[in-house]
Amino acid sequence: MLNWIGIAAINMAIAVALGAFGAHGLEGLVSMQQLEWWHTATLYLFVHALGLLLVGLLIRLKYITQTTAWLLQIGIIIFAGSLYAMTLGAPRWFGAITPIGGVLMIAGWLWLAISAFRLKD
């Protein structure tokens, strides 16, 4: 079983580093649109990394399976990764995969909801 708490912590460290790079290293190098993509990617990375931390705790307590964590993590990689890539020069059509990441994150949260409703008190 993967250590999802550790993976969440790594995601959060990456979010801090990329957020700082976006704030201090990209100004003047990319367009305002690209900077907005970077900020959106960082925001979603932070929020979902924190959510993944909670999910990791729930997995460790054996309340839920790893499915939610996998959906969130793959969603984070595709969603934020595609926005970061476009900011750094990937072709604009690369953004076509961004919604796939968003759908996976939504599916992760819905899977968590389903899992929670199935819990016996």
PDB file of N, CA and C in Angstrom:
ATOM      1  N   MET A   1       0.848  -1.180   0.000  1.00  0.00           N
ATOM      2  CA  MET A   1       0.000   0.000   0.000  1.00  0.00           C
ATOM      3  C   MET A   1       0.894   1.244   0.000  1.00  0.00           C
ATOM      4  N   LEU A   2       0.545   2.196  -0.832  1.00  0.00           N
ATOM      5  CA  LEU A   2       1.321   3.432  -0.902  1.00  0.00           C
ATOM      6  C   LEU A   2       1.099   4.280   0.339  1.00  0.00           C
ATOM      7  N   ASN A   3       2.084   5.094   0.654  1.00  0.00           N
ATOM      8  CA  ASN A   3       1.982   6.026   1.769  1.00  0.00           C
ATOM      9  C   ASN A   3       1.406   7.341   1.228  1.00  0.00           C
ATOM     10  N   TRP A   4       0.103   7.454   1.235  1.00  0.00           N
ATOM     11  CA  TRP A   4      -0.559   8.620   0.660  1.00  0.00           C
ATOM     12  C   TRP A   4      -0.330   9.875   1.472  1.00  0.00           C
ATOM     13  N   ILE A   5      -0.088   9.752   2.757  1.00  0.00           N
ATOM     14  CA  ILE A   5       0.230  10.931   3.573  1.00  0.00           C
ATOM     15  C   ILE A   5       1.556  11.518   3.100  1.00  0.00           C
ATOM     16  N   GLY A   6       2.528  10.659   2.870  1.00  0.00           N
ATOM     17  CA  GLY A   6       3.819  11.121   2.359  1.00  0.00           C
ATOM     18  C   GLY A   6       3.706  11.724   0.974  1.00  0.00           C
ATOM     19  N   ILE A   7       2.906  11.095   0.119  1.00  0.00           N
ATOM     20  CA  ILE A   7       2.707  11.623  -1.236  1.00  0.00           C
ATOM     21  C   ILE A   7       2.032  12.988  -1.176  1.00  0.00           C
ATOM     22  N   ALA A   8       1.065  13.139  -0.288  1.00  0.00           N
ATOM     23  CA  ALA A   8       0.401  14.436  -0.122  1.00  0.00           C
ATOM     24  C   ALA A   8       1.401  15.497   0.334  1.00  0.00           C
ATOM     25  N   ALA A   9       2.275  15.144   1.263  1.00  0.00           N
ATOM     26  CA  ALA A   9       3.274  16.098   1.751  1.00  0.00           C
ATOM     27  C   ALA A   9       4.233  16.509   0.629  1.00  0.00           C
ATOM     28  N   ILE A  10       4.610  15.560  -0.210  1.00  0.00           N
ATOM     29  CA  ILE A  10       5.468  15.886  -1.354  1.00  0.00           C
ATOM     30  C   ILE A  10       4.740  16.828  -2.307  1.00  0.00           C
ATOM     31  N   ASN A  11       3.458  16.548  -2.562  1.00  0.00           N
ATOM     32  CA  ASN A  11       2.654  17.447  -3.407  1.00  0.00           C
ATOM     33  C   ASN A  11       2.633  18.863  -2.836  1.00  0.00           C
ATOM     34  N   MET A  12       2.483  18.982  -1.522  1.00  0.00           N
ATOM     35  CA  MET A  12       2.431  20.306  -0.910  1.00  0.00           C
ATOM     36  C   MET A  12       3.775  21.024  -1.022  1.00  0.00           C
ATOM     37  N   ALA A  13       4.871  20.282  -0.838  1.00  0.00           N
ATOM     38  CA  ALA A  13       6.196  20.892  -1.000  1.00  0.00           C
ATOM     39  C   ALA A  13       6.397  21.376  -2.433  1.00  0.00           C
ATOM     40  N   ILE A  14       5.969  20.573  -3.391  1.00  0.00           N
ATOM     41  CA  ILE A  14       6.073  20.960  -4.803  1.00  0.00           C
ATOM     42  C   ILE A  14       5.224  22.203  -5.065  1.00  0.00           C
ATOM     43  N   ALA A  15       4.032  22.259  -4.477  1.00  0.00           N
ATOM     44  CA  ALA A  15       3.158  23.418  -4.666  1.00  0.00           C
ATOM     45  C   ALA A  15       3.807  24.694  -4.134  1.00  0.00           C
ATOM     46  N   VAL A  16       4.458  24.609  -2.976  1.00  0.00           N
ATOM     47  CA  VAL A  16       5.140  25.785  -2.426  1.00  0.00           C
ATOM     48  C   VAL A  16       6.271  26.216  -3.360  1.00  0.00           C
ATOM     49  N   ALA A  17       7.071  25.254  -3.795  1.00  0.00           N
ATOM     50  CA  ALA A  17       8.204  25.575  -4.668  1.00  0.00           C
ATOM     51  C   ALA A  17       7.736  26.176  -5.994  1.00  0.00           C
ATOM     52  N   LEU A  18       6.725  25.554  -6.611  1.00  0.00           N
ATOM     53  CA  LEU A  18       6.239  26.062  -7.893  1.00  0.00           C
ATOM     54  C   LEU A  18       5.501  27.390  -7.736  1.00  0.00           C
ATOM     55  N   GLY A  19       4.816  27.562  -6.614  1.00  0.00           N
ATOM     56  CA  GLY A  19       4.168  28.844  -6.351  1.00  0.00           C
ATOM     57  C   GLY A  19       5.194  29.958  -6.213  1.00  0.00           C
ATOM     58  N   ALA A  20       6.281  29.689  -5.494  1.00  0.00           N
ATOM     59  CA  ALA A  20       7.340  30.687  -5.336  1.00  0.00           C
ATOM     60  C   ALA A  20       8.009  30.981  -6.676  1.00  0.00           C
ATOM     61  N   PHE A  21       8.254  29.933  -7.452  1.00  0.00           N
ATOM     62  CA  PHE A  21       8.859  30.133  -8.770  1.00  0.00           C
ATOM     63  C   PHE A  21       7.952  30.978  -9.651  1.00  0.00           C
ATOM     64  N   GLY A  22       6.663  30.701  -9.604  1.00  0.00           N
ATOM     65  CA  GLY A  22       5.718  31.484 -10.400  1.00  0.00           C
ATOM     66  C   GLY A  22       5.680  32.947  -9.980  1.00  0.00           C
ATOM     67  N   ALA A  23       5.776  33.193  -8.673  1.00  0.00           N
ATOM     68  CA  ALA A  23       5.706  34.554  -8.166  1.00  0.00           C
ATOM     69  C   ALA A  23       6.992  35.342  -8.406  1.00  0.00           C
ATOM     70  N   HIS A  24       8.121  34.652  -8.379  1.00  0.00           N
ATOM     71  CA  HIS A  24       9.397  35.368  -8.443  1.00  0.00           C
ATOM     72  C   HIS A  24      10.222  35.092  -9.696  1.00  0.00           C
ATOM     73  N   GLY A  25       9.988  33.961 -10.335  1.00  0.00           N
ATOM     74  CA  GLY A  25      10.842  33.593 -11.458  1.00  0.00           C
ATOM     75  C   GLY A  25      10.229  33.762 -12.828  1.00  0.00           C
ATOM     76  N   LEU A  26       8.912  33.885 -12.890  1.00  0.00           N
ATOM     77  CA  LEU A  26       8.257  33.939 -14.201  1.00  0.00           C
ATOM     78  C   LEU A  26       7.838  35.340 -14.628  1.00  0.00           C
ATOM     79  N   GLU A  27       7.795  36.263 -13.687  1.00  0.00           N
ATOM     80  CA  GLU A  27       7.370  37.620 -14.039  1.00  0.00           C
ATOM     81  C   GLU A  27       8.286  38.197 -15.108  1.00  0.00           C
ATOM     82  N   GLY A  28       7.687  38.733 -16.130  1.00  0.00           N
ATOM     83  CA  GLY A  28       8.448  39.316 -17.222  1.00  0.00           C
ATOM     84  C   GLY A  28       8.897  38.313 -18.267  1.00  0.00           C
ATOM     85  N   LEU A  29       8.753  37.025 -17.963  1.00  0.00           N
ATOM     86  CA  LEU A  29       9.173  35.986 -18.910  1.00  0.00           C
ATOM     87  C   LEU A  29       8.006  35.369 -19.663  1.00  0.00           C
ATOM     88  N   VAL A  30       6.826  35.448 -19.080  1.00  0.00           N
ATOM     89  CA  VAL A  30       5.640  34.851 -19.692  1.00  0.00           C
ATOM     90  C   VAL A  30       4.525  35.889 -19.726  1.00  0.00           C
ATOM     91  N   SER A  31       3.514  35.612 -20.520  1.00  0.00           N
ATOM     92  CA  SER A  31       2.375  36.531 -20.629  1.00  0.00           C
ATOM     93  C   SER A  31       1.514  36.467 -19.368  1.00  0.00           C
ATOM     94  N   MET A  32       0.618  37.432 -19.261  1.00  0.00           N
ATOM     95  CA  MET A  32      -0.322  37.432 -18.128  1.00  0.00           C
ATOM     96  C   MET A  32      -1.194  36.177 -18.157  1.00  0.00           C
ATOM     97  N   GLN A  33      -1.612  35.749 -19.359  1.00  0.00           N
ATOM     98  CA  GLN A  33      -2.425  34.536 -19.491  1.00  0.00           C
ATOM     99  C   GLN A  33      -1.657  33.330 -18.959  1.00  0.00           C
ATOM    100  N   GLN A  34      -0.391  33.216 -19.331  1.00  0.00           N
ATOM    101  CA  GLN A  34       0.431  32.096 -18.867  1.00  0.00           C
ATOM    102  C   GLN A  34       0.617  32.151 -17.350  1.00  0.00           C
ATOM    103  N   LEU A  35       0.797  33.344 -16.814  1.00  0.00           N
ATOM    104  CA  LEU A  35       0.941  33.482 -15.362  1.00  0.00           C
ATOM    105  C   LEU A  35      -0.341  33.078 -14.647  1.00  0.00           C
ATOM    106  N   GLU A  36      -1.490  33.389 -15.243  1.00  0.00           N
ATOM    107  CA  GLU A  36      -2.771  32.949 -14.674  1.00  0.00           C
ATOM    108  C   GLU A  36      -2.873  31.428 -14.690  1.00  0.00           C
ATOM    109  N   TRP A  37      -2.421  30.788 -15.771  1.00  0.00           N
ATOM    110  CA  TRP A  37      -2.416  29.321 -15.827  1.00  0.00           C
ATOM    111  C   TRP A  37      -1.572  28.759 -14.692  1.00  0.00           C
ATOM    112  N   TRP A  38      -0.406  29.359 -14.480  1.00  0.00           N
ATOM    113  CA  TRP A  38       0.517  28.898 -13.425  1.00  0.00           C
ATOM    114  C   TRP A  38      -0.149  29.021 -12.057  1.00  0.00           C
ATOM    115  N   HIS A  39      -0.791  30.166 -11.807  1.00  0.00           N
ATOM    116  CA  HIS A  39      -1.456  30.376 -10.517  1.00  0.00           C
ATOM    117  C   HIS A  39      -2.617  29.404 -10.317  1.00  0.00           C
ATOM    118  N   THR A  40      -3.377  29.159 -11.366  1.00  0.00           N
ATOM    119  CA  THR A  40      -4.482  28.199 -11.274  1.00  0.00           C
ATOM    120  C   THR A  40      -3.953  26.803 -10.962  1.00  0.00           C
ATOM    121  N   ALA A  41      -2.911  26.398 -11.661  1.00  0.00           N
ATOM    122  CA  ALA A  41      -2.308  25.084 -11.416  1.00  0.00           C
ATOM    123  C   ALA A  41      -1.841  24.964  -9.976  1.00  0.00           C
ATOM    124  N   THR A  42      -1.206  26.014  -9.469  1.00  0.00           N
ATOM    125  CA  THR A  42      -0.673  25.980  -8.098  1.00  0.00           C
ATOM    126  C   THR A  42      -1.804  25.933  -7.076  1.00  0.00           C
ATOM    127  N   LEU A  43      -2.852  26.702  -7.298  1.00  0.00           N
ATOM    128  CA  LEU A  43      -4.001  26.687  -6.387  1.00  0.00           C
ATOM    129  C   LEU A  43      -4.620  25.292  -6.313  1.00  0.00           C
ATOM    130  N   TYR A  44      -4.873  24.698  -7.466  1.00  0.00           N
ATOM    131  CA  TYR A  44      -5.480  23.370  -7.484  1.00  0.00           C
ATOM    132  C   TYR A  44      -4.542  22.317  -6.894  1.00  0.00           C
ATOM    133  N   LEU A  45      -3.250  22.463  -7.142  1.00  0.00           N
ATOM    134  CA  LEU A  45      -2.280  21.541  -6.553  1.00  0.00           C
ATOM    135  C   LEU A  45      -2.323  21.634  -5.035  1.00  0.00           C
ATOM    136  N   PHE A  46      -2.319  22.847  -4.486  1.00  0.00           N
ATOM    137  CA  PHE A  46      -2.381  23.024  -3.036  1.00  0.00           C
ATOM    138  C   PHE A  46      -3.654  22.423  -2.439  1.00  0.00           C
ATOM    139  N   VAL A  47      -4.779  22.810  -2.989  1.00  0.00           N
ATOM    140  CA  VAL A  47      -6.066  22.367  -2.442  1.00  0.00           C
ATOM    141  C   VAL A  47      -6.188  20.846  -2.483  1.00  0.00           C
ATOM    142  N   HIS A  48      -5.823  20.261  -3.595  1.00  0.00           N
ATOM    143  CA  HIS A  48      -5.980  18.815  -3.724  1.00  0.00           C
ATOM    144  C   HIS A  48      -4.900  18.049  -2.963  1.00  0.00           C
ATOM    145  N   ALA A  49      -3.741  18.656  -2.768  1.00  0.00           N
ATOM    146  CA  ALA A  49      -2.722  18.027  -1.920  1.00  0.00           C
ATOM    147  C   ALA A  49      -3.209  17.976  -0.469  1.00  0.00           C
ATOM    148  N   LEU A  50      -3.844  19.040  -0.012  1.00  0.00           N
ATOM    149  CA  LEU A  50      -4.413  19.023   1.344  1.00  0.00           C
ATOM    150  C   LEU A  50      -5.523  17.982   1.444  1.00  0.00           C
ATOM    151  N   GLY A  51      -6.357  17.916   0.419  1.00  0.00           N
ATOM    152  CA  GLY A  51      -7.399  16.893   0.396  1.00  0.00           C
ATOM    153  C   GLY A  51      -6.806  15.494   0.393  1.00  0.00           C
ATOM    154  N   LEU A  52      -5.730  15.316  -0.346  1.00  0.00           N
ATOM    155  CA  LEU A  52      -5.065  14.021  -0.395  1.00  0.00           C
ATOM    156  C   LEU A  52      -4.491  13.643   0.971  1.00  0.00           C
ATOM    157  N   LEU A  53      -4.061  14.640   1.732  1.00  0.00           N
ATOM    158  CA  LEU A  53      -3.589  14.380   3.097  1.00  0.00           C
ATOM    159  C   LEU A  53      -4.719  13.781   3.936  1.00  0.00           C
ATOM    160  N   LEU A  54      -5.892  14.375   3.858  1.00  0.00           N
ATOM    161  CA  LEU A  54      -7.056  13.855   4.571  1.00  0.00           C
ATOM    162  C   LEU A  54      -7.410  12.454   4.085  1.00  0.00           C
ATOM    163  N   VAL A  55      -7.384  12.263   2.794  1.00  0.00           N
ATOM    164  CA  VAL A  55      -7.686  10.952   2.214  1.00  0.00           C
ATOM    165  C   VAL A  55      -6.673   9.918   2.708  1.00  0.00           C
ATOM    166  N   GLY A  56      -5.400  10.311   2.761  1.00  0.00           N
ATOM    167  CA  GLY A  56      -4.370   9.408   3.267  1.00  0.00           C
ATOM    168  C   GLY A  56      -4.643   8.970   4.697  1.00  0.00           C
ATOM    169  N   LEU A  57      -5.106   9.896   5.518  1.00  0.00           N
ATOM    170  CA  LEU A  57      -5.469   9.540   6.898  1.00  0.00           C
ATOM    171  C   LEU A  57      -6.645   8.570   6.924  1.00  0.00           C
ATOM    172  N   LEU A  58      -7.640   8.825   6.083  1.00  0.00           N
ATOM    173  CA  LEU A  58      -8.803   7.930   6.029  1.00  0.00           C
ATOM    174  C   LEU A  58      -8.415   6.533   5.547  1.00  0.00           C
ATOM    175  N   ILE A  59      -7.475   6.476   4.611  1.00  0.00           N
ATOM    176  CA  ILE A  59      -6.985   5.166   4.141  1.00  0.00           C
ATOM    177  C   ILE A  59      -6.250   4.465   5.273  1.00  0.00           C
ATOM    178  N   ARG A  60      -5.395   5.195   5.971  1.00  0.00           N
ATOM    179  CA  ARG A  60      -4.628   4.601   7.068  1.00  0.00           C
ATOM    180  C   ARG A  60      -5.551   4.073   8.166  1.00  0.00           C
ATOM    181  N   LEU A  61      -6.666   4.772   8.386  1.00  0.00           N
ATOM    182  CA  LEU A  61      -7.639   4.336   9.400  1.00  0.00           C
ATOM    183  C   LEU A  61      -8.581   3.260   8.865  1.00  0.00           C
ATOM    184  N   LYS A  62      -8.394   2.896   7.607  1.00  0.00           N
ATOM    185  CA  LYS A  62      -9.166   1.842   6.944  1.00  0.00           C
ATOM    186  C   LYS A  62     -10.654   2.185   6.781  1.00  0.00           C
ATOM    187  N   TYR A  63     -10.932   3.482   6.632  1.00  0.00           N
ATOM    188  CA  TYR A  63     -12.296   3.906   6.362  1.00  0.00           C
ATOM    189  C   TYR A  63     -12.611   3.831   4.877  1.00  0.00           C
ATOM    190  N   ILE A  64     -11.600   4.028   4.035  1.00  0.00           N
ATOM    191  CA  ILE A  64     -11.801   4.022   2.589  1.00  0.00           C
ATOM    192  C   ILE A  64     -10.648   3.270   1.921  1.00  0.00           C
ATOM    193  N   THR A  65     -10.838   2.972   0.639  1.00  0.00           N
ATOM    194  CA  THR A  65      -9.789   2.319  -0.151  1.00  0.00           C
ATOM    195  C   THR A  65      -8.911   3.396  -0.805  1.00  0.00           C
ATOM    196  N   GLN A  66      -7.929   2.949  -1.571  1.00  0.00           N
ATOM    197  CA  GLN A  66      -7.010   3.869  -2.231  1.00  0.00           C
ATOM    198  C   GLN A  66      -7.585   4.508  -3.503  1.00  0.00           C
ATOM    199  N   THR A  67      -8.766   4.104  -3.929  1.00  0.00           N
ATOM    200  CA  THR A  67      -9.325   4.604  -5.184  1.00  0.00           C
ATOM    201  C   THR A  67      -9.404   6.125  -5.217  1.00  0.00           C
ATOM    202  N   THR A  68      -9.895   6.732  -4.149  1.00  0.00           N
ATOM    203  CA  THR A  68     -10.000   8.190  -4.098  1.00  0.00           C
ATOM    204  C   THR A  68      -8.633   8.826  -4.269  1.00  0.00           C
ATOM    205  N   ALA A  69      -7.636   8.292  -3.582  1.00  0.00           N
ATOM    206  CA  ALA A  69      -6.289   8.858  -3.651  1.00  0.00           C
ATOM    207  C   ALA A  69      -5.732   8.781  -5.069  1.00  0.00           C
ATOM    208  N   TRP A  70      -5.909   7.637  -5.718  1.00  0.00           N
ATOM    209  CA  TRP A  70      -5.415   7.485  -7.089  1.00  0.00           C
ATOM    210  C   TRP A  70      -6.089   8.471  -8.035  1.00  0.00           C
ATOM    211  N   LEU A  71      -7.401   8.615  -7.918  1.00  0.00           N
ATOM    212  CA  LEU A  71      -8.127   9.550  -8.782  1.00  0.00           C
ATOM    213  C   LEU A  71      -7.636  10.981  -8.570  1.00  0.00           C
ATOM    214  N   LEU A  72      -7.463  11.365  -7.309  1.00  0.00           N
ATOM    215  CA  LEU A  72      -6.984  12.718  -7.021  1.00  0.00           C
ATOM    216  C   LEU A  72      -5.572  12.927  -7.545  1.00  0.00           C
ATOM    217  N   GLN A  73      -4.679  11.983  -7.277  1.00  0.00           N
ATOM    218  CA  GLN A  73      -3.279  12.160  -7.671  1.00  0.00           C
ATOM    219  C   GLN A  73      -3.114  12.211  -9.185  1.00  0.00           C
ATOM    220  N   ILE A  74      -3.779  11.327  -9.887  1.00  0.00           N
ATOM    221  CA  ILE A  74      -3.677  11.358 -11.355  1.00  0.00           C
ATOM    222  C   ILE A  74      -4.308  12.642 -11.895  1.00  0.00           C
ATOM    223  N   GLY A  75      -5.414  13.044 -11.279  1.00  0.00           N
ATOM    224  CA  GLY A  75      -6.045  14.305 -11.669  1.00  0.00           C
ATOM    225  C   GLY A  75      -5.133  15.497 -11.449  1.00  0.00           C
ATOM    226  N   ILE A  76      -4.444  15.530 -10.322  1.00  0.00           N
ATOM    227  CA  ILE A  76      -3.493  16.611 -10.028  1.00  0.00           C
ATOM    228  C   ILE A  76      -2.411  16.660 -11.107  1.00  0.00           C
ATOM    229  N   ILE A  77      -1.846  15.513 -11.409  1.00  0.00           N
ATOM    230  CA  ILE A  77      -0.747  15.460 -12.389  1.00  0.00           C
ATOM    231  C   ILE A  77      -1.215  15.964 -13.748  1.00  0.00           C
ATOM    232  N   ILE A  78      -2.377  15.500 -14.196  1.00  0.00           N
ATOM    233  CA  ILE A  78      -2.851  15.893 -15.519  1.00  0.00           C
ATOM    234  C   ILE A  78      -3.303  17.349 -15.537  1.00  0.00           C
ATOM    235  N   PHE A  79      -4.092  17.754 -14.544  1.00  0.00           N
ATOM    236  CA  PHE A  79      -4.634  19.117 -14.532  1.00  0.00           C
ATOM    237  C   PHE A  79      -3.522  20.143 -14.357  1.00  0.00           C
ATOM    238  N   ALA A  80      -2.833  20.073 -13.227  1.00  0.00           N
ATOM    239  CA  ALA A  80      -1.795  21.067 -12.961  1.00  0.00           C
ATOM    240  C   ALA A  80      -0.626  20.907 -13.929  1.00  0.00           C
ATOM    241  N   GLY A  81      -0.262  19.682 -14.209  1.00  0.00           N
ATOM    242  CA  GLY A  81       0.868  19.447 -15.102  1.00  0.00           C
ATOM    243  C   GLY A  81       0.667  20.038 -16.478  1.00  0.00           C
ATOM    244  N   SER A  82      -0.536  19.912 -17.024  1.00  0.00           N
ATOM    245  CA  SER A  82      -0.785  20.468 -18.358  1.00  0.00           C
ATOM    246  C   SER A  82      -0.733  21.992 -18.335  1.00  0.00           C
ATOM    247  N   LEU A  83      -1.232  22.610 -17.265  1.00  0.00           N
ATOM    248  CA  LEU A  83      -1.169  24.074 -17.163  1.00  0.00           C
ATOM    249  C   LEU A  83       0.263  24.559 -16.984  1.00  0.00           C
ATOM    250  N   TYR A  84       1.034  23.863 -16.156  1.00  0.00           N
ATOM    251  CA  TYR A  84       2.450  24.230 -16.001  1.00  0.00           C
ATOM    252  C   TYR A  84       3.179  24.083 -17.330  1.00  0.00           C
ATOM    253  N   ALA A  85       2.902  22.997 -18.038  1.00  0.00           N
ATOM    254  CA  ALA A  85       3.577  22.744 -19.312  1.00  0.00           C
ATOM    255  C   ALA A  85       3.258  23.841 -20.329  1.00  0.00           C
ATOM    256  N   MET A  86       1.988  24.241 -20.403  1.00  0.00           N
ATOM    257  CA  MET A  86       1.622  25.296 -21.350  1.00  0.00           C
ATOM    258  C   MET A  86       2.292  26.616 -20.983  1.00  0.00           C
ATOM    259  N   THR A  87       2.387  26.894 -19.692  1.00  0.00           N
ATOM    260  CA  THR A  87       3.058  28.118 -19.261  1.00  0.00           C
ATOM    261  C   THR A  87       4.513  28.120 -19.709  1.00  0.00           C
ATOM    262  N   LEU A  88       5.127  26.957 -19.674  1.00  0.00           N
ATOM    263  CA  LEU A  88       6.545  26.859 -20.018  1.00  0.00           C
ATOM    264  C   LEU A  88       6.793  26.628 -21.505  1.00  0.00           C
ATOM    265  N   GLY A  89       5.734  26.714 -22.319  1.00  0.00           N
ATOM    266  CA  GLY A  89       5.936  26.682 -23.757  1.00  0.00           C
ATOM    267  C   GLY A  89       5.320  25.527 -24.517  1.00  0.00           C
ATOM    268  N   ALA A  90       4.654  24.606 -23.840  1.00  0.00           N
ATOM    269  CA  ALA A  90       3.981  23.522 -24.561  1.00  0.00           C
ATOM    270  C   ALA A  90       2.921  24.133 -25.475  1.00  0.00           C
ATOM    271  N   PRO A  91       2.612  23.485 -26.584  1.00  0.00           N
ATOM    272  CA  PRO A  91       1.597  24.028 -27.501  1.00  0.00           C
ATOM    273  C   PRO A  91       0.248  24.220 -26.799  1.00  0.00           C
ATOM    274  N   ARG A  92      -0.480  25.196 -27.238  1.00  0.00           N
ATOM    275  CA  ARG A  92      -1.771  25.536 -26.633  1.00  0.00           C
ATOM    276  C   ARG A  92      -2.744  24.359 -26.666  1.00  0.00           C
ATOM    277  N   TRP A  93      -2.685  23.515 -27.692  1.00  0.00           N
ATOM    278  CA  TRP A  93      -3.592  22.356 -27.780  1.00  0.00           C
ATOM    279  C   TRP A  93      -3.352  21.385 -26.632  1.00  0.00           C
ATOM    280  N   PHE A  94      -2.202  21.485 -25.984  1.00  0.00           N
ATOM    281  CA  PHE A  94      -1.908  20.626 -24.844  1.00  0.00           C
ATOM    282  C   PHE A  94      -2.947  20.820 -23.734  1.00  0.00           C
ATOM    283  N   GLY A  95      -3.548  22.002 -23.710  1.00  0.00           N
ATOM    284  CA  GLY A  95      -4.592  22.290 -22.728  1.00  0.00           C
ATOM    285  C   GLY A  95      -5.834  21.445 -22.901  1.00  0.00           C
ATOM    286  N   ALA A  96      -5.940  20.722 -24.000  1.00  0.00           N
ATOM    287  CA  ALA A  96      -7.101  19.859 -24.219  1.00  0.00           C
ATOM    288  C   ALA A  96      -7.174  18.734 -23.199  1.00  0.00           C
ATOM    289  N   ILE A  97      -6.051  18.367 -22.593  1.00  0.00           N
ATOM    290  CA  ILE A  97      -6.083  17.306 -21.583  1.00  0.00           C
ATOM    291  C   ILE A  97      -6.368  17.842 -20.180  1.00  0.00           C
ATOM    292  N   THR A  98      -6.284  19.168 -19.998  1.00  0.00           N
ATOM    293  CA  THR A  98      -6.534  19.758 -18.669  1.00  0.00           C
ATOM    294  C   THR A  98      -7.875  19.326 -18.090  1.00  0.00           C
ATOM    295  N   PRO A  99      -8.971  19.371 -18.858  1.00  0.00           N
ATOM    296  CA  PRO A  99     -10.265  18.951 -18.292  1.00  0.00           C
ATOM    297  C   PRO A  99     -10.297  17.489 -17.857  1.00  0.00           C
ATOM    298  N   ILE A 100      -9.488  16.644 -18.474  1.00  0.00           N
ATOM    299  CA  ILE A 100      -9.436  15.241 -18.042  1.00  0.00           C
ATOM    300  C   ILE A 100      -8.962  15.181 -16.587  1.00  0.00           C
ATOM    301  N   GLY A 101      -7.961  15.970 -16.271  1.00  0.00           N
ATOM    302  CA  GLY A 101      -7.496  16.030 -14.887  1.00  0.00           C
ATOM    303  C   GLY A 101      -8.572  16.538 -13.947  1.00  0.00           C
ATOM    304  N   GLY A 102      -9.310  17.556 -14.394  1.00  0.00           N
ATOM    305  CA  GLY A 102     -10.400  18.081 -13.574  1.00  0.00           C
ATOM    306  C   GLY A 102     -11.485  17.049 -13.333  1.00  0.00           C
ATOM    307  N   VAL A 103     -11.827  16.305 -14.368  1.00  0.00           N
ATOM    308  CA  VAL A 103     -12.848  15.259 -14.224  1.00  0.00           C
ATOM    309  C   VAL A 103     -12.369  14.178 -13.245  1.00  0.00           C
ATOM    310  N   LEU A 104     -11.092  13.831 -13.310  1.00  0.00           N
ATOM    311  CA  LEU A 104     -10.565  12.828 -12.379  1.00  0.00           C
ATOM    312  C   LEU A 104     -10.611  13.332 -10.935  1.00  0.00           C
ATOM    313  N   MET A 105     -10.312  14.616 -10.728  1.00  0.00           N
ATOM    314  CA  MET A 105     -10.401  15.167  -9.370  1.00  0.00           C
ATOM    315  C   MET A 105     -11.845  15.158  -8.882  1.00  0.00           C
ATOM    316  N   ILE A 106     -12.778  15.545  -9.737  1.00  0.00           N
ATOM    317  CA  ILE A 106     -14.195  15.486  -9.372  1.00  0.00           C
ATOM    318  C   ILE A 106     -14.587  14.052  -9.035  1.00  0.00           C
ATOM    319  N   ALA A 107     -14.155  13.111  -9.867  1.00  0.00           N
ATOM    320  CA  ALA A 107     -14.463  11.700  -9.613  1.00  0.00           C
ATOM    321  C   ALA A 107     -13.885  11.238  -8.283  1.00  0.00           C
ATOM    322  N   GLY A 108     -12.702  11.716  -7.944  1.00  0.00           N
ATOM    323  CA  GLY A 108     -12.098  11.363  -6.656  1.00  0.00           C
ATOM    324  C   GLY A 108     -12.947  11.831  -5.483  1.00  0.00           C
ATOM    325  N   TRP A 109     -13.408  13.076  -5.557  1.00  0.00           N
ATOM    326  CA  TRP A 109     -14.243  13.588  -4.466  1.00  0.00           C
ATOM    327  C   TRP A 109     -15.589  12.872  -4.410  1.00  0.00           C
ATOM    328  N   LEU A 110     -16.151  12.569  -5.565  1.00  0.00           N
ATOM    329  CA  LEU A 110     -17.416  11.820  -5.569  1.00  0.00           C
ATOM    330  C   LEU A 110     -17.220  10.403  -5.032  1.00  0.00           C
ATOM    331  N   TRP A 111     -16.089   9.787  -5.369  1.00  0.00           N
ATOM    332  CA  TRP A 111     -15.801   8.445  -4.846  1.00  0.00           C
ATOM    333  C   TRP A 111     -15.674   8.494  -3.320  1.00  0.00           C
ATOM    334  N   LEU A 112     -15.070   9.571  -2.810  1.00  0.00           N
ATOM    335  CA  LEU A 112     -14.979   9.735  -1.357  1.00  0.00           C
ATOM    336  C   LEU A 112     -16.375   9.864  -0.756  1.00  0.00           C
ATOM    337  N   ALA A 113     -17.242  10.634  -1.399  1.00  0.00           N
ATOM    338  CA  ALA A 113     -18.613  10.792  -0.896  1.00  0.00           C
ATOM    339  C   ALA A 113     -19.341   9.459  -0.873  1.00  0.00           C
ATOM    340  N   ILE A 114     -19.231   8.706  -1.954  1.00  0.00           N
ATOM    341  CA  ILE A 114     -19.873   7.391  -2.013  1.00  0.00           C
ATOM    342  C   ILE A 114     -19.332   6.481  -0.908  1.00  0.00           C
ATOM    343  N   SER A 115     -18.028   6.518  -0.742  1.00  0.00           N
ATOM    344  CA  SER A 115     -17.400   5.694   0.303  1.00  0.00           C
ATOM    345  C   SER A 115     -17.895   6.094   1.686  1.00  0.00           C
ATOM    346  N   ALA A 116     -18.028   7.385   1.905  1.00  0.00           N
ATOM    347  CA  ALA A 116     -18.483   7.875   3.216  1.00  0.00           C
ATOM    348  C   ALA A 116     -19.927   7.456   3.492  1.00  0.00           C
ATOM    349  N   PHE A 117     -20.785   7.531   2.481  1.00  0.00           N
ATOM    350  CA  PHE A 117     -22.174   7.140   2.671  1.00  0.00           C
ATOM    351  C   PHE A 117     -22.329   5.631   2.908  1.00  0.00           C
ATOM    352  N   ARG A 118     -21.354   4.871   2.446  1.00  0.00           N
ATOM    353  CA  ARG A 118     -21.410   3.420   2.629  1.00  0.00           C
ATOM    354  C   ARG A 118     -20.885   2.985   3.988  1.00  0.00           C
ATOM    355  N   LEU A 119     -20.224   3.897   4.724  1.00  0.00           N
ATOM    356  CA  LEU A 119     -19.662   3.548   6.020  1.00  0.00           C
ATOM    357  C   LEU A 119     -20.771   3.178   7.001  1.00  0.00           C
ATOM    358  N   LYS A 120     -20.516   2.155   7.773  1.00  0.00           N
ATOM    359  CA  LYS A 120     -21.442   1.775   8.833  1.00  0.00           C
ATOM    360  C   LYS A 120     -21.014   2.481  10.108  1.00  0.00           C
ATOM    361  N   ASP A 121     -21.979   3.038  10.815  1.00  0.00           N
ATOM    362  CA  ASP A 121     -21.661   3.733  12.082  1.00  0.00           C
ATOM    363  C   ASP A 121     -21.271   2.767  13.171  1.00  0.00           C
TER     364      ASP A 121
END
